[in-house]
C-alpha cells in the first residue's frame, strides 16, 4: 500500500464507502428522530418555514428526509432516490435557514450536503441492500 499514491485503495474502498453511507445516514437519523417525536406529540409546533409552505408541512418534509430517507441511505436501499430529499433539505438548511449566519453555524449542513451529493453520485455501493437485490 502506497500511502502517498493518488490511486484508490481498491480493497478498502467498499468498506470506507459503507462507513460513509452508514455513518452519515445514522448521524442524520439523530436529527430526524426528535423532529418525528415533535410531530407525534401534537400541540403547537414551533419549526422554521423557510419555503413558505407552512410550519407543519415543513416539519413533515424535514422528518421525511432526515428520518425516513436517512434510514434508506443507511441500509443502502433506494440510495440515490433517498439522497435527493436529503440534498434538498441540507441545501435549504445551509443556504436558507442559516443563510445569514456565520459559516460555523451552517458548516454541519454543508458537510452533510456534500456527503449526500457524493452518495447520490456513487450510488449505494457494493455493501448494500440494493446490491443484494441486484439494483446497484
Protein backbone atom coordinates (compact mmCIF):
# COMPACT_ATOMS: atom_id res chain seq x y z
CA UNK A 1 0.00 0.00 0.00
CA UNK A 2 1.41 3.33 -1.04
CA UNK A 3 0.05 5.98 1.30
CA UNK A 4 1.08 8.86 -0.97
CA UNK A 5 -0.35 7.32 -4.14
CA UNK A 6 -3.30 9.04 -5.81
CA UNK A 7 -4.81 5.67 -6.77
CA UNK A 8 -7.77 4.48 -4.66
CA UNK A 9 -7.18 1.70 -2.16
CA UNK A 10 -9.44 -0.65 -4.07
CA UNK A 11 -9.69 -3.32 -1.36
CA UNK A 12 -10.62 -0.75 1.28
CA UNK A 13 -12.98 1.31 -0.87
CA UNK A 14 -16.16 -0.76 -0.30
CA UNK A 15 -15.68 -0.65 3.48
CA UNK A 16 -14.79 3.04 3.50
CA UNK A 17 -17.85 3.86 1.40
CA UNK A 18 -20.05 1.70 3.65
CA UNK A 19 -18.75 3.67 6.65
CA UNK A 20 -19.52 6.97 4.89
CA UNK A 21 -23.04 5.89 3.92
CA UNK A 22 -23.94 4.27 7.24
CA UNK A 23 -22.25 6.94 9.35
CA UNK A 24 -23.87 9.88 7.61
CA UNK A 25 -27.26 8.17 7.49
CA UNK A 26 -27.18 7.17 11.15
CA UNK A 27 -25.99 10.61 12.22
CA UNK A 28 -28.83 12.22 10.26
CA UNK A 29 -31.34 9.95 11.98
CA UNK A 30 -30.33 11.61 15.26
CA UNK A 31 -31.60 14.89 13.78
CA UNK A 32 -34.76 13.42 12.26
CA UNK A 33 -35.97 11.34 15.19
CA UNK A 34 -36.55 14.28 17.58
CA UNK A 35 -38.45 16.07 14.83
CA UNK A 36 -40.55 12.95 14.30
CA UNK A 37 -41.34 12.84 18.03
CA UNK A 38 -42.31 16.52 17.90
CA UNK A 39 -44.68 15.65 15.07
CA UNK A 40 -46.25 12.78 17.03
CA UNK A 41 -46.66 14.79 20.24
CA UNK A 42 -49.07 17.19 18.57
CA UNK A 43 -49.83 20.51 20.16
CA UNK A 44 -48.33 23.76 18.96
CA UNK A 45 -45.46 23.18 16.55
CA UNK A 46 -42.59 25.65 16.51
CA UNK A 47 -40.50 24.97 13.44
CA UNK A 48 -38.93 27.03 10.67
CA UNK A 49 -40.92 27.56 7.47
CA UNK A 50 -38.14 28.52 5.05
CA UNK A 51 -40.07 27.68 1.87
CA UNK A 52 -43.34 29.33 2.91
CA UNK A 53 -45.38 26.11 2.76
CA UNK A 54 -46.41 26.24 6.41
CA UNK A 55 -44.88 25.05 9.66
CA UNK A 56 -46.50 21.58 9.66
CA UNK A 57 -45.64 20.73 6.02
CA UNK A 58 -42.08 21.98 6.60
CA UNK A 59 -41.71 19.72 9.62
CA UNK A 60 -43.18 16.76 7.73
CA UNK A 61 -40.74 17.30 4.84
CA UNK A 62 -37.81 17.52 7.26
CA UNK A 63 -38.90 14.32 9.05
CA UNK A 64 -39.32 12.52 5.73
CA UNK A 65 -35.79 13.43 4.66
CA UNK A 66 -33.93 13.32 7.97
CA UNK A 67 -35.53 10.16 9.32
CA UNK A 68 -37.07 8.00 6.61
CA UNK A 69 -34.66 8.82 3.78
CA UNK A 70 -31.71 8.63 6.18
CA UNK A 71 -32.78 5.09 7.16
CA UNK A 72 -32.87 4.13 3.48
CA UNK A 73 -29.41 5.60 2.88
CA UNK A 74 -28.07 3.79 5.95
CA UNK A 75 -29.39 0.49 4.62
CA UNK A 76 -28.30 1.21 1.07
CA UNK A 77 -31.86 0.80 -0.18
CA UNK A 78 -33.10 3.10 -2.98
CA UNK A 79 -30.00 5.09 -2.10
CA UNK A 80 -29.92 7.58 -4.97
CA UNK A 81 -33.63 8.38 -4.69
CA UNK A 82 -33.37 8.68 -0.89
CA UNK A 83 -30.39 11.02 -1.12
CA UNK A 84 -32.30 13.62 -3.17
CA UNK A 85 -34.59 14.81 -0.31
CA UNK A 86 -31.54 14.87 1.95
CA UNK A 87 -29.64 17.02 -0.53
CA UNK A 88 -32.57 19.45 -0.81
CA UNK A 89 -33.08 19.55 2.97
CA UNK A 90 -29.41 20.23 3.67
CA UNK A 91 -29.22 22.90 0.95
CA UNK A 92 -32.25 24.64 2.48
CA UNK A 93 -30.75 24.32 5.97
CA UNK A 94 -27.36 25.70 4.91
CA UNK A 95 -28.36 28.43 2.48
CA UNK A 96 -31.87 29.46 3.56
CA UNK A 97 -32.37 28.70 7.25
CA UNK A 98 -28.75 29.56 8.14
CA UNK A 99 -28.09 31.74 5.10
CA UNK A 100 -27.24 34.86 7.10
CA UNK A 101 -25.45 33.00 9.89
CA UNK A 102 -21.67 32.71 10.18
CA UNK A 103 -20.02 29.74 8.49
CA UNK A 104 -19.67 27.83 11.76
CA UNK A 105 -23.46 27.74 12.13
CA UNK A 106 -24.04 26.28 8.65
CA UNK A 107 -20.90 24.14 8.45
CA UNK A 108 -22.59 20.87 9.51
CA UNK A 109 -25.39 21.28 6.97
CA UNK A 110 -22.80 21.94 4.23
CA UNK A 111 -20.82 18.83 5.21
CA UNK A 112 -23.98 16.73 5.11
CA UNK A 113 -24.90 18.32 1.77
CA UNK A 114 -21.53 17.42 0.24
CA UNK A 115 -21.75 13.91 1.67
CA UNK A 116 -25.21 13.28 0.22
CA UNK A 117 -24.13 14.68 -3.15
CA UNK A 118 -21.28 12.13 -3.10
CA UNK A 119 -23.70 9.35 -2.13
CA UNK A 120 -26.04 10.38 -4.94
CA UNK A 121 -23.16 10.27 -7.42
CA UNK A 122 -21.70 6.97 -6.19
CA UNK A 123 -24.94 5.08 -5.56
CA UNK A 124 -25.42 2.50 -2.85
CA UNK A 125 -22.08 0.74 -3.16
CA UNK A 126 -21.28 -2.95 -3.16
CA UNK A 127 -22.14 -3.45 0.51
CA UNK A 128 -25.81 -2.51 0.42
CA UNK A 129 -29.33 -3.90 0.34
CA UNK A 130 -29.63 -2.59 -3.23
CA UNK A 131 -26.68 -4.79 -4.23
CA UNK A 132 -28.28 -7.83 -2.58
CA UNK A 133 -31.36 -7.33 -4.75
CA UNK A 134 -29.33 -6.64 -7.89
CA UNK A 135 -30.39 -2.97 -8.05
CA UNK A 136 -26.96 -1.42 -7.52
